[in-house]
Amino acid sequence: MKQFLNSYDNVQTLGNGHAPQRPFRDLDDLWRAAEPYMRARHNDIHIPLSFYFAELILDDYPEADELVTRVAILLHDTGWARVDAQKILDEGFRSENWRQSDARIQHEIEGCNIARELLPGLGFDDEFIGKVTDIIDGHDTRHEHYSLEDAIVRDADRLWRFTPTGMGFSALWFDWTPRQVLADLDGRVLDEMITASGRRMAEAELGRTMELLKLDLL
């Protein structure tokens, strides 16, 4: 089985029970407001895990705007709720050009719309909302990141895929075996990690997932 430089022995991450240390503003009101958009595509599992990863990364980057980062990761995939469920699978995961598919573009557009609908009523001003929607817009479909906050959101969005939970859902959505998911993670997604902290966590989580799912055998 492949060994990574980073593991649970030397990395503080979700899978080995590490908790964020930085003080954060309470966002329970936003979680409640966004709840109707969390049920599509099992975002009620994906988004909380990605949110936690974002908080862990933020511990290592005190210069990052924690509120922009956390609001953006909380809302980044809510737009899937306004995309047809079959189109999500057929175009967003199983088409030849799935990363640039109309379904993925639509979920980014709708995610921005949902942010603009929810955030003013919770006291967020236009400047703040613009920073959030700048991250949501293109978080899947553009290659470059525009800010540290954007980079953290992108890494947190990917990090859950390296856990057993994320690998399981990826196998279902892409209609792949866990071994095929592993090949994609190790061959592509790891190289897309931007922050040093995100890369370390990804390797540590993937190493443990490979062990738990016996991917050297299955």
C-alpha atoms as a PDB file:
ATOM      1  CA  MET A   1       0.000   0.000   0.000  1.00  0.00           C
ATOM      2  CA  LYS A   2       1.282   3.477  -0.865  1.00  0.00           C
ATOM      3  CA  GLN A   3       2.714   5.472   2.008  1.00  0.00           C
ATOM      4  CA  PHE A   4       2.392   9.253   2.242  1.00  0.00           C
ATOM      5  CA  LEU A   5       4.739  11.637   3.984  1.00  0.00           C
ATOM      6  CA  ASN A   6       1.839  12.944   6.065  1.00  0.00           C
ATOM      7  CA  SER A   7      -0.293  10.738   8.303  1.00  0.00           C
ATOM      8  CA  TYR A   8      -2.442  10.838  11.422  1.00  0.00           C
ATOM      9  CA  ASP A   9       0.822  10.579  13.377  1.00  0.00           C
ATOM     10  CA  ASN A  10       2.054  14.020  12.340  1.00  0.00           C
ATOM     11  CA  VAL A  11      -0.983  15.939  11.026  1.00  0.00           C
ATOM     12  CA  GLN A  12      -3.857  17.448  12.979  1.00  0.00           C
ATOM     13  CA  THR A  13      -6.979  16.759  10.963  1.00  0.00           C
ATOM     14  CA  LEU A  14     -10.640  15.800  11.178  1.00  0.00           C
ATOM     15  CA  GLY A  15     -10.114  12.047  11.095  1.00  0.00           C
ATOM     16  CA  ASN A  16      -7.909  11.922  14.176  1.00  0.00           C
ATOM     17  CA  GLY A  17     -10.227  14.109  16.217  1.00  0.00           C
ATOM     18  CA  HIS A  18      -8.459  17.462  16.038  1.00  0.00           C
ATOM     19  CA  ALA A  19     -10.677  20.462  16.728  1.00  0.00           C
ATOM     20  CA  PRO A  20     -10.213  24.003  15.373  1.00  0.00           C
ATOM     21  CA  GLN A  21      -8.513  26.304  17.878  1.00  0.00           C
ATOM     22  CA  ARG A  22      -9.324  29.720  16.412  1.00  0.00           C
ATOM     23  CA  PRO A  23     -12.333  31.620  17.820  1.00  0.00           C
ATOM     24  CA  PHE A  24     -15.072  31.889  15.225  1.00  0.00           C
ATOM     25  CA  ARG A  25     -18.275  33.903  14.897  1.00  0.00           C
ATOM     26  CA  ASP A  26     -21.410  31.836  15.457  1.00  0.00           C
ATOM     27  CA  LEU A  27     -23.202  31.045  12.183  1.00  0.00           C
ATOM     28  CA  ASP A  28     -26.134  29.007  13.474  1.00  0.00           C
ATOM     29  CA  ASP A  29     -28.654  31.462  11.997  1.00  0.00           C
ATOM     30  CA  LEU A  30     -27.130  30.986   8.563  1.00  0.00           C
ATOM     31  CA  TRP A  31     -27.123  27.201   8.920  1.00  0.00           C
ATOM     32  CA  ARG A  32     -30.842  27.356   9.747  1.00  0.00           C
ATOM     33  CA  ALA A  33     -31.569  29.664   6.814  1.00  0.00           C
ATOM     34  CA  ALA A  34     -29.612  27.447   4.413  1.00  0.00           C
ATOM     35  CA  GLU A  35     -31.121  24.169   5.623  1.00  0.00           C
ATOM     36  CA  PRO A  36     -33.731  23.930   2.819  1.00  0.00           C
ATOM     37  CA  TYR A  37     -30.867  23.895   0.290  1.00  0.00           C
ATOM     38  CA  MET A  38     -28.833  21.247   2.096  1.00  0.00           C
ATOM     39  CA  ARG A  39     -30.824  18.148   1.142  1.00  0.00           C
ATOM     40  CA  ALA A  40     -29.865  17.939  -2.541  1.00  0.00           C
ATOM     41  CA  ARG A  41     -26.917  15.709  -3.445  1.00  0.00           C
ATOM     42  CA  HIS A  42     -26.390  14.867   0.251  1.00  0.00           C
ATOM     43  CA  ASN A  43     -25.011  18.331   0.917  1.00  0.00           C
ATOM     44  CA  ASP A  44     -26.224  17.938   4.492  1.00  0.00           C
ATOM     45  CA  ILE A  45     -23.229  15.592   4.839  1.00  0.00           C
ATOM     46  CA  HIS A  46     -20.739  17.152   2.422  1.00  0.00           C
ATOM     47  CA  ILE A  47     -21.070  20.779   3.528  1.00  0.00           C
ATOM     48  CA  PRO A  48     -20.699  20.310   7.322  1.00  0.00           C
ATOM     49  CA  LEU A  49     -17.596  18.155   6.788  1.00  0.00           C
ATOM     50  CA  SER A  50     -16.099  20.649   4.331  1.00  0.00           C
ATOM     51  CA  PHE A  51     -16.947  23.477   6.735  1.00  0.00           C
ATOM     52  CA  TYR A  52     -15.023  21.719   9.504  1.00  0.00           C
ATOM     53  CA  PHE A  53     -12.025  21.234   7.226  1.00  0.00           C
ATOM     54  CA  ALA A  54     -12.117  24.950   6.367  1.00  0.00           C
ATOM     55  CA  GLU A  55     -11.967  25.830  10.059  1.00  0.00           C
ATOM     56  CA  LEU A  56      -9.019  23.493  10.534  1.00  0.00           C
ATOM     57  CA  ILE A  57      -7.132  25.122   7.651  1.00  0.00           C
ATOM     58  CA  LEU A  58      -7.965  28.591   8.989  1.00  0.00           C
ATOM     59  CA  ASP A  59      -6.040  27.758  12.157  1.00  0.00           C
ATOM     60  CA  ASP A  60      -2.870  27.843  10.063  1.00  0.00           C
ATOM     61  CA  TYR A  61      -3.695  31.071   8.224  1.00  0.00           C
ATOM     62  CA  PRO A  62      -4.560  33.796  10.769  1.00  0.00           C
ATOM     63  CA  GLU A  63      -4.342  36.416   8.012  1.00  0.00           C
ATOM     64  CA  ALA A  64      -7.352  34.887   6.206  1.00  0.00           C
ATOM     65  CA  ASP A  65     -10.806  36.407   6.678  1.00  0.00           C
ATOM     66  CA  GLU A  66     -12.461  33.642   8.638  1.00  0.00           C
ATOM     67  CA  LEU A  67     -15.987  34.944   8.180  1.00  0.00           C
ATOM     68  CA  VAL A  68     -15.788  35.232   4.395  1.00  0.00           C
ATOM     69  CA  THR A  69     -14.211  31.776   4.227  1.00  0.00           C
ATOM     70  CA  ARG A  70     -16.741  30.081   6.488  1.00  0.00           C
ATOM     71  CA  VAL A  71     -19.805  31.704   4.900  1.00  0.00           C
ATOM     72  CA  ALA A  72     -18.529  30.824   1.424  1.00  0.00           C
ATOM     73  CA  ILE A  73     -17.894  27.157   2.255  1.00  0.00           C
ATOM     74  CA  LEU A  74     -21.263  26.932   4.007  1.00  0.00           C
ATOM     75  CA  LEU A  75     -23.101  28.184   0.921  1.00  0.00           C
ATOM     76  CA  HIS A  76     -20.827  27.029  -1.903  1.00  0.00           C
ATOM     77  CA  ASP A  77     -22.873  23.990  -2.987  1.00  0.00           C
ATOM     78  CA  THR A  78     -26.377  25.089  -1.980  1.00  0.00           C
ATOM     79  CA  GLY A  79     -27.095  25.779  -5.647  1.00  0.00           C
ATOM     80  CA  TRP A  80     -27.356  22.040  -6.340  1.00  0.00           C
ATOM     81  CA  ALA A  81     -30.809  22.298  -4.759  1.00  0.00           C
ATOM     82  CA  ARG A  82     -31.988  24.140  -7.872  1.00  0.00           C
ATOM     83  CA  VAL A  83     -30.528  21.682 -10.384  1.00  0.00           C
ATOM     84  CA  ASP A  84     -32.515  18.682 -11.599  1.00  0.00           C
ATOM     85  CA  ALA A  85     -31.423  15.604  -9.633  1.00  0.00           C
ATOM     86  CA  GLN A  86     -30.913  13.411 -12.708  1.00  0.00           C
ATOM     87  CA  LYS A  87     -29.021  16.189 -14.466  1.00  0.00           C
ATOM     88  CA  ILE A  88     -26.685  16.378 -11.466  1.00  0.00           C
ATOM     89  CA  LEU A  89     -25.655  12.768 -12.008  1.00  0.00           C
ATOM     90  CA  ASP A  90     -25.779  12.597 -15.796  1.00  0.00           C
ATOM     91  CA  GLU A  91     -23.980  15.880 -16.480  1.00  0.00           C
ATOM     92  CA  GLY A  92     -22.329  16.860 -13.214  1.00  0.00           C
ATOM     93  CA  PHE A  93     -20.586  13.537 -12.583  1.00  0.00           C
ATOM     94  CA  ARG A  94     -20.899  11.084 -15.464  1.00  0.00           C
ATOM     95  CA  SER A  95     -20.427  13.128 -18.619  1.00  0.00           C
ATOM     96  CA  GLU A  96     -17.161  13.436 -20.545  1.00  0.00           C
ATOM     97  CA  ASN A  97     -16.846  17.114 -19.656  1.00  0.00           C
ATOM     98  CA  TRP A  98     -18.353  16.898 -16.178  1.00  0.00           C
ATOM     99  CA  ARG A  99     -16.107  19.558 -14.662  1.00  0.00           C
ATOM    100  CA  GLN A 100     -17.337  22.182 -17.149  1.00  0.00           C
ATOM    101  CA  SER A 101     -20.863  20.842 -17.543  1.00  0.00           C
ATOM    102  CA  ASP A 102     -23.958  23.012 -17.651  1.00  0.00           C
ATOM    103  CA  ALA A 103     -25.088  21.402 -14.401  1.00  0.00           C
ATOM    104  CA  ARG A 104     -21.952  22.518 -12.581  1.00  0.00           C
ATOM    105  CA  ILE A 105     -22.160  26.031 -13.993  1.00  0.00           C
ATOM    106  CA  GLN A 106     -25.827  26.201 -12.996  1.00  0.00           C
ATOM    107  CA  HIS A 107     -25.125  25.152  -9.409  1.00  0.00           C
ATOM    108  CA  GLU A 108     -22.507  27.896  -9.085  1.00  0.00           C
ATOM    109  CA  ILE A 109     -24.896  30.521 -10.444  1.00  0.00           C
ATOM    110  CA  GLU A 110     -27.691  29.371  -8.152  1.00  0.00           C
ATOM    111  CA  GLY A 111     -25.345  29.222  -5.180  1.00  0.00           C
ATOM    112  CA  CYS A 112     -24.538  32.894  -5.741  1.00  0.00           C
ATOM    113  CA  ASN A 113     -28.257  33.666  -6.026  1.00  0.00           C
ATOM    114  CA  ILE A 114     -28.985  31.876  -2.757  1.00  0.00           C
ATOM    115  CA  ALA A 115     -26.195  33.791  -1.019  1.00  0.00           C
ATOM    116  CA  ARG A 116     -27.676  37.075  -2.242  1.00  0.00           C
ATOM    117  CA  GLU A 117     -31.114  35.991  -1.025  1.00  0.00           C
ATOM    118  CA  LEU A 118     -30.107  34.796   2.439  1.00  0.00           C
ATOM    119  CA  LEU A 119     -27.276  37.009   3.602  1.00  0.00           C
ATOM    120  CA  PRO A 120     -28.857  40.508   3.617  1.00  0.00           C
ATOM    121  CA  GLY A 121     -31.513  39.418   6.083  1.00  0.00           C
ATOM    122  CA  LEU A 122     -28.798  38.177   8.425  1.00  0.00           C
ATOM    123  CA  GLY A 123     -27.007  41.510   8.517  1.00  0.00           C
ATOM    124  CA  PHE A 124     -24.339  41.036   5.852  1.00  0.00           C
ATOM    125  CA  ASP A 125     -23.657  44.023   3.594  1.00  0.00           C
ATOM    126  CA  ASP A 126     -23.189  44.120  -0.169  1.00  0.00           C
ATOM    127  CA  GLU A 127     -19.382  44.289   0.005  1.00  0.00           C
ATOM    128  CA  PHE A 128     -19.214  41.164   2.156  1.00  0.00           C
ATOM    129  CA  ILE A 129     -21.728  39.314  -0.024  1.00  0.00           C
ATOM    130  CA  GLY A 130     -19.671  40.170  -3.094  1.00  0.00           C
ATOM    131  CA  LYS A 131     -16.589  38.578  -1.538  1.00  0.00           C
ATOM    132  CA  VAL A 132     -18.582  35.425  -0.833  1.00  0.00           C
ATOM    133  CA  THR A 133     -20.130  35.164  -4.301  1.00  0.00           C
ATOM    134  CA  ASP A 134     -16.747  35.800  -5.938  1.00  0.00           C
ATOM    135  CA  ILE A 135     -15.599  32.544  -4.303  1.00  0.00           C
ATOM    136  CA  ILE A 136     -18.754  30.538  -5.022  1.00  0.00           C
ATOM    137  CA  ASP A 137     -18.775  31.629  -8.675  1.00  0.00           C
ATOM    138  CA  GLY A 138     -16.419  29.241 -10.434  1.00  0.00           C
ATOM    139  CA  HIS A 139     -15.346  27.238  -7.391  1.00  0.00           C
ATOM    140  CA  ASP A 140     -15.699  24.057  -9.469  1.00  0.00           C
ATOM    141  CA  THR A 141     -15.321  25.292 -13.039  1.00  0.00           C
ATOM    142  CA  ARG A 142     -12.350  27.690 -13.011  1.00  0.00           C
ATOM    143  CA  HIS A 143      -8.791  26.568 -12.430  1.00  0.00           C
ATOM    144  CA  GLU A 144      -7.377  29.628 -10.686  1.00  0.00           C
ATOM    145  CA  HIS A 145      -8.072  30.979  -7.208  1.00  0.00           C
ATOM    146  CA  TYR A 146      -8.297  34.699  -6.544  1.00  0.00           C
ATOM    147  CA  SER A 147      -7.518  34.974  -2.832  1.00  0.00           C
ATOM    148  CA  LEU A 148      -6.361  33.046   0.214  1.00  0.00           C
ATOM    149  CA  GLU A 149      -9.990  32.647   1.264  1.00  0.00           C
ATOM    150  CA  ASP A 150     -10.819  31.237  -2.174  1.00  0.00           C
ATOM    151  CA  ALA A 151      -7.929  28.768  -1.866  1.00  0.00           C
ATOM    152  CA  ILE A 152      -9.068  27.588   1.559  1.00  0.00           C
ATOM    153  CA  VAL A 153     -12.618  27.037   0.333  1.00  0.00           C
ATOM    154  CA  ARG A 154     -11.366  25.047  -2.662  1.00  0.00           C
ATOM    155  CA  ASP A 155      -9.175  22.869  -0.455  1.00  0.00           C
ATOM    156  CA  ALA A 156     -11.911  22.306   2.124  1.00  0.00           C
ATOM    157  CA  ASP A 157     -14.366  21.382  -0.633  1.00  0.00           C
ATOM    158  CA  ARG A 158     -11.948  18.706  -1.859  1.00  0.00           C
ATOM    159  CA  LEU A 159     -10.751  17.436   1.510  1.00  0.00           C
ATOM    160  CA  TRP A 160     -13.876  15.514   2.396  1.00  0.00           C
ATOM    161  CA  ARG A 161     -13.292  13.335  -0.704  1.00  0.00           C
ATOM    162  CA  PHE A 162     -10.237  11.839   1.005  1.00  0.00           C
ATOM    163  CA  THR A 163     -12.304  10.511   3.925  1.00  0.00           C
ATOM    164  CA  PRO A 164     -14.175   7.180   3.843  1.00  0.00           C
ATOM    165  CA  THR A 165     -17.447   9.123   3.724  1.00  0.00           C
ATOM    166  CA  GLY A 166     -16.374  11.222   0.758  1.00  0.00           C
ATOM    167  CA  MET A 167     -14.934   8.239  -1.065  1.00  0.00           C
ATOM    168  CA  GLY A 168     -18.186   6.360  -0.587  1.00  0.00           C
ATOM    169  CA  PHE A 169     -20.319   9.129  -2.029  1.00  0.00           C
ATOM    170  CA  SER A 170     -17.863   9.712  -4.878  1.00  0.00           C
ATOM    171  CA  ALA A 171     -18.067   6.034  -5.814  1.00  0.00           C
ATOM    172  CA  LEU A 172     -21.871   6.288  -5.976  1.00  0.00           C
ATOM    173  CA  TRP A 173     -22.014   9.577  -7.879  1.00  0.00           C
ATOM    174  CA  PHE A 174     -19.349   8.726 -10.447  1.00  0.00           C
ATOM    175  CA  ASP A 175     -20.391   5.063 -10.637  1.00  0.00           C
ATOM    176  CA  TRP A 176     -16.818   4.045  -9.808  1.00  0.00           C
ATOM    177  CA  THR A 177     -15.248   1.477  -7.532  1.00  0.00           C
ATOM    178  CA  PRO A 178     -13.380   2.792  -4.472  1.00  0.00           C
ATOM    179  CA  ARG A 179     -10.143   1.835  -6.236  1.00  0.00           C
ATOM    180  CA  GLN A 180     -11.105   4.070  -9.162  1.00  0.00           C
ATOM    181  CA  VAL A 181     -11.883   6.909  -6.766  1.00  0.00           C
ATOM    182  CA  LEU A 182      -8.469   6.374  -5.179  1.00  0.00           C
ATOM    183  CA  ALA A 183      -6.773   6.637  -8.569  1.00  0.00           C
ATOM    184  CA  ASP A 184      -8.513   9.974  -9.196  1.00  0.00           C
ATOM    185  CA  LEU A 185      -7.642  11.328  -5.756  1.00  0.00           C
ATOM    186  CA  ASP A 186      -4.013  10.261  -5.897  1.00  0.00           C
ATOM    187  CA  GLY A 187      -3.530  11.043  -9.575  1.00  0.00           C
ATOM    188  CA  ARG A 188      -5.404  14.340  -9.879  1.00  0.00           C
ATOM    189  CA  VAL A 189      -7.071  15.813  -6.811  1.00  0.00           C
ATOM    190  CA  LEU A 190      -4.014  15.741  -4.552  1.00  0.00           C
ATOM    191  CA  ASP A 191      -2.152  17.874  -7.075  1.00  0.00           C
ATOM    192  CA  GLU A 192      -5.014  20.377  -7.061  1.00  0.00           C
ATOM    193  CA  MET A 193      -4.653  21.124  -3.362  1.00  0.00           C
ATOM    194  CA  ILE A 194      -3.457  24.687  -2.930  1.00  0.00           C
ATOM    195  CA  THR A 195      -2.565  25.295   0.707  1.00  0.00           C
ATOM    196  CA  ALA A 196       0.201  23.399   2.461  1.00  0.00           C
ATOM    197  CA  SER A 197      -2.191  22.579   5.293  1.00  0.00           C
ATOM    198  CA  GLY A 198      -4.796  21.229   2.910  1.00  0.00           C
ATOM    199  CA  ARG A 199      -2.255  19.006   1.193  1.00  0.00           C
ATOM    200  CA  ARG A 200      -1.035  17.593   4.510  1.00  0.00           C
ATOM    201  CA  MET A 201      -4.577  16.818   5.659  1.00  0.00           C
ATOM    202  CA  ALA A 202      -5.446  15.243   2.307  1.00  0.00           C
ATOM    203  CA  GLU A 203      -2.514  12.850   2.489  1.00  0.00           C
ATOM    204  CA  ALA A 204      -3.240  11.940   6.101  1.00  0.00           C
ATOM    205  CA  GLU A 205      -6.931  11.332   5.436  1.00  0.00           C
ATOM    206  CA  LEU A 206      -6.290   9.343   2.266  1.00  0.00           C
ATOM    207  CA  GLY A 207      -3.724   7.104   3.922  1.00  0.00           C
ATOM    208  CA  ARG A 208      -6.180   6.187   6.649  1.00  0.00           C
ATOM    209  CA  THR A 209      -9.044   5.711   4.163  1.00  0.00           C
ATOM    210  CA  MET A 210      -6.905   3.342   2.094  1.00  0.00           C
ATOM    211  CA  GLU A 211      -6.236   1.325   5.232  1.00  0.00           C
ATOM    212  CA  LEU A 212      -9.838   1.261   6.445  1.00  0.00           C
ATOM    213  CA  LEU A 213     -11.308   0.324   3.052  1.00  0.00           C
ATOM    214  CA  LYS A 214      -8.540  -2.223   2.377  1.00  0.00           C
ATOM    215  CA  LEU A 215      -7.794  -0.667  -0.964  1.00  0.00           C
ATOM    216  CA  ASP A 216      -4.614  -2.684  -1.314  1.00  0.00           C
ATOM    217  CA  LEU A 217      -6.905  -5.729  -1.624  1.00  0.00           C
ATOM    218  CA  LEU A 218     -10.189  -4.414  -3.007  1.00  0.00           C
END
